[in-house]
C-alpha atoms as a PDB file:
ATOM      1  CA  MET A   1       0.000   0.000   0.000  1.00  0.00           C
ATOM      2  CA  PRO A   2       1.274   3.502  -0.691  1.00  0.00           C
ATOM      3  CA  THR A   3       2.681   5.682   2.048  1.00  0.00           C
ATOM      4  CA  CYS A   4       2.384   9.463   2.131  1.00  0.00           C
ATOM      5  CA  LYS A   5       5.776  11.129   1.694  1.00  0.00           C
ATOM      6  CA  LYS A   6       4.830  13.957   4.063  1.00  0.00           C
ATOM      7  CA  CYS A   7       3.111  12.311   7.069  1.00  0.00           C
ATOM      8  CA  HIS A   8       4.409   8.745   6.419  1.00  0.00           C
ATOM      9  CA  ARG A   9       1.005   7.182   7.029  1.00  0.00           C
ATOM     10  CA  LYS A  10      -0.032   4.162   5.013  1.00  0.00           C
ATOM     11  CA  TRP A  11      -3.190   4.502   2.945  1.00  0.00           C
ATOM     12  CA  SER A  12      -5.887   1.847   3.168  1.00  0.00           C
ATOM     13  CA  TRP A  13      -6.798  -0.329   0.215  1.00  0.00           C
ATOM     14  CA  TRP A  14     -10.166   1.398  -0.240  1.00  0.00           C
ATOM     15  CA  LYS A  15      -8.740   4.931  -0.096  1.00  0.00           C
ATOM     16  CA  THR A  16      -6.035   3.968  -2.576  1.00  0.00           C
ATOM     17  CA  LEU A  17      -8.569   2.457  -4.952  1.00  0.00           C
ATOM     18  CA  LYS A  18     -10.716   5.600  -4.824  1.00  0.00           C
ATOM     19  CA  LYS A  19      -7.698   7.870  -5.419  1.00  0.00           C
ATOM     20  CA  THR A  20      -6.541   5.859  -8.456  1.00  0.00           C
ATOM     21  CA  PHE A  21      -9.770   6.802 -10.253  1.00  0.00           C
ATOM     22  CA  SER A  22      -9.058  10.498  -9.808  1.00  0.00           C
ATOM     23  CA  PHE A  23      -8.331  12.448 -12.979  1.00  0.00           C
ATOM     24  CA  ARG A  24      -6.438  15.142 -11.121  1.00  0.00           C
ATOM     25  CA  ILE A  25      -2.684  15.340 -11.491  1.00  0.00           C
ATOM     26  CA  GLY A  26      -2.076  15.792  -7.776  1.00  0.00           C
ATOM     27  CA  ILE A  27      -4.127  13.870  -5.239  1.00  0.00           C
ATOM     28  CA  ALA A  28      -4.548  14.896  -1.620  1.00  0.00           C
ATOM     29  CA  CYS A  29      -3.401  12.601   1.157  1.00  0.00           C
ATOM     30  CA  PRO A  30      -6.482  11.495   3.128  1.00  0.00           C
ATOM     31  CA  PHE A  31      -4.646  12.137   6.406  1.00  0.00           C
ATOM     32  CA  CYS A  32      -2.647  15.366   6.013  1.00  0.00           C
ATOM     33  CA  ASN A  33      -4.208  16.766   2.783  1.00  0.00           C
ATOM     34  CA  GLU A  34      -0.724  17.275   1.327  1.00  0.00           C
ATOM     35  CA  LYS A  35      -0.613  16.951  -2.456  1.00  0.00           C
ATOM     36  CA  GLN A  36       0.848  13.622  -3.607  1.00  0.00           C
ATOM     37  CA  TYR A  37       1.611  12.405  -7.117  1.00  0.00           C
ATOM     38  CA  PHE A  38       1.744   8.970  -8.671  1.00  0.00           C
ATOM     39  CA  SER A  39       5.362   8.058  -9.373  1.00  0.00           C
ATOM     40  CA  ALA A  40       6.585   7.827 -12.957  1.00  0.00           C
ATOM     41  CA  ARG A  41       7.308   4.130 -12.482  1.00  0.00           C
ATOM     42  CA  TYR A  42       3.725   3.434 -11.378  1.00  0.00           C
ATOM     43  CA  ARG A  43       2.221   5.487 -14.227  1.00  0.00           C
ATOM     44  CA  LEU A  44       4.367   3.670 -16.791  1.00  0.00           C
ATOM     45  CA  ARG A  45       3.427   0.292 -15.360  1.00  0.00           C
ATOM     46  CA  GLY A  46      -0.217   1.380 -15.248  1.00  0.00           C
ATOM     47  CA  THR A  47      -0.208   1.968 -19.000  1.00  0.00           C
ATOM     48  CA  ILE A  48       1.809  -1.082 -20.057  1.00  0.00           C
ATOM     49  CA  ILE A  49      -0.230  -3.744 -18.245  1.00  0.00           C
ATOM     50  CA  PRO A  50      -3.614  -2.826 -19.806  1.00  0.00           C
ATOM     51  CA  PHE A  51      -1.822  -2.554 -23.162  1.00  0.00           C
ATOM     52  CA  PHE A  52      -1.058  -6.297 -22.936  1.00  0.00           C
ATOM     53  CA  ILE A  53      -4.294  -7.400 -21.262  1.00  0.00           C
ATOM     54  CA  SER A  54      -6.619  -5.835 -23.858  1.00  0.00           C
ATOM     55  CA  PRO A  55      -5.206  -7.694 -26.893  1.00  0.00           C
ATOM     56  CA  LEU A  56      -5.079 -10.897 -24.844  1.00  0.00           C
ATOM     57  CA  ILE A  57      -8.807 -10.622 -24.175  1.00  0.00           C
ATOM     58  CA  MET A  58      -9.547  -9.793 -27.826  1.00  0.00           C
ATOM     59  CA  PHE A  59      -7.452 -12.657 -29.226  1.00  0.00           C
ATOM     60  CA  THR A  60      -8.981 -15.072 -26.729  1.00  0.00           C
ATOM     61  CA  GLY A  61     -12.408 -14.084 -27.997  1.00  0.00           C
ATOM     62  CA  ILE A  62     -11.344 -14.467 -31.614  1.00  0.00           C
ATOM     63  CA  TYR A  63      -9.590 -17.810 -31.070  1.00  0.00           C
ATOM     64  CA  PHE A  64     -12.170 -19.453 -28.807  1.00  0.00           C
ATOM     65  CA  GLY A  65     -15.188 -17.572 -30.103  1.00  0.00           C
ATOM     66  CA  TYR A  66     -17.182 -14.975 -28.273  1.00  0.00           C
ATOM     67  CA  SER A  67     -19.315 -16.482 -25.570  1.00  0.00           C
ATOM     68  CA  TYR A  68     -20.428 -15.879 -22.022  1.00  0.00           C
ATOM     69  CA  ILE A  69     -17.384 -17.772 -20.779  1.00  0.00           C
ATOM     70  CA  THR A  70     -15.041 -15.460 -22.683  1.00  0.00           C
ATOM     71  CA  LEU A  71     -16.893 -12.465 -21.278  1.00  0.00           C
ATOM     72  CA  LEU A  72     -16.670 -13.931 -17.764  1.00  0.00           C
ATOM     73  CA  ILE A  73     -12.918 -14.504 -18.154  1.00  0.00           C
ATOM     74  CA  ALA A  74     -12.414 -10.947 -19.427  1.00  0.00           C
ATOM     75  CA  LEU A  75     -14.398  -9.476 -16.543  1.00  0.00           C
ATOM     76  CA  SER A  76     -12.554 -11.624 -14.004  1.00  0.00           C
ATOM     77  CA  ILE A  77      -9.170 -10.475 -15.367  1.00  0.00           C
ATOM     78  CA  LEU A  78     -10.361  -6.889 -15.118  1.00  0.00           C
ATOM     79  CA  LEU A  79     -11.618  -7.448 -11.575  1.00  0.00           C
ATOM     80  CA  VAL A  80      -8.322  -9.021 -10.498  1.00  0.00           C
ATOM     81  CA  PHE A  81      -6.456  -6.061 -11.987  1.00  0.00           C
ATOM     82  CA  PHE A  82      -8.535  -3.570  -9.979  1.00  0.00           C
ATOM     83  CA  VAL A  83      -8.231  -5.586  -6.762  1.00  0.00           C
ATOM     84  CA  VAL A  84      -4.447  -6.016  -7.008  1.00  0.00           C
ATOM     85  CA  ASN A  85      -3.588  -2.592  -8.438  1.00  0.00           C
ATOM     86  CA  PRO A  86      -3.723  -0.602  -5.138  1.00  0.00           C
ATOM     87  CA  PHE A  87      -0.943  -2.789  -3.731  1.00  0.00           C
ATOM     88  CA  PHE A  88       1.440  -1.539  -6.414  1.00  0.00           C
ATOM     89  CA  VAL A  89       0.700   2.191  -6.169  1.00  0.00           C
ATOM     90  CA  GLU A  90       3.806   4.298  -5.554  1.00  0.00           C
ATOM     91  CA  LEU A  91       3.618   7.931  -4.515  1.00  0.00           C
ATOM     92  CA  SER A  92       5.941  10.875  -4.859  1.00  0.00           C
ATOM     93  CA  ASP A  93       5.885  14.298  -3.217  1.00  0.00           C
ATOM     94  CA  LYS A  94       6.682  16.013  -6.533  1.00  0.00           C
ATOM     95  CA  GLU A  95       5.471  15.469 -10.063  1.00  0.00           C
ATOM     96  CA  GLU A  96       7.930  13.311 -11.999  1.00  0.00           C
ATOM     97  CA  PRO A  97       8.256  13.326 -15.791  1.00  0.00           C
ATOM     98  CA  LEU A  98       7.334  10.032 -17.448  1.00  0.00           C
ATOM     99  CA  PHE A  99      10.526   9.891 -19.518  1.00  0.00           C
END
């Protein structure tokens, strides 16, 4: 779970999940309200993983045929991604360039 760089308090899973759906560049720490940023490493990883999962789901549907089972597998992969993602969130106290 991520830890605030200012107050050093660990965020809960639920608070982290809610903050990952924020479209703001800086997100406020739920404890000290200090602005935190997602690290460049986390943002890069957050774009690469869905880049590989999406074609995998599409090719599975094409190869095995579209059915309810394929849809269930795709939704379960998506659910696992959202459940596990907050554990890999990394924060920074300043905005870092991606490259």
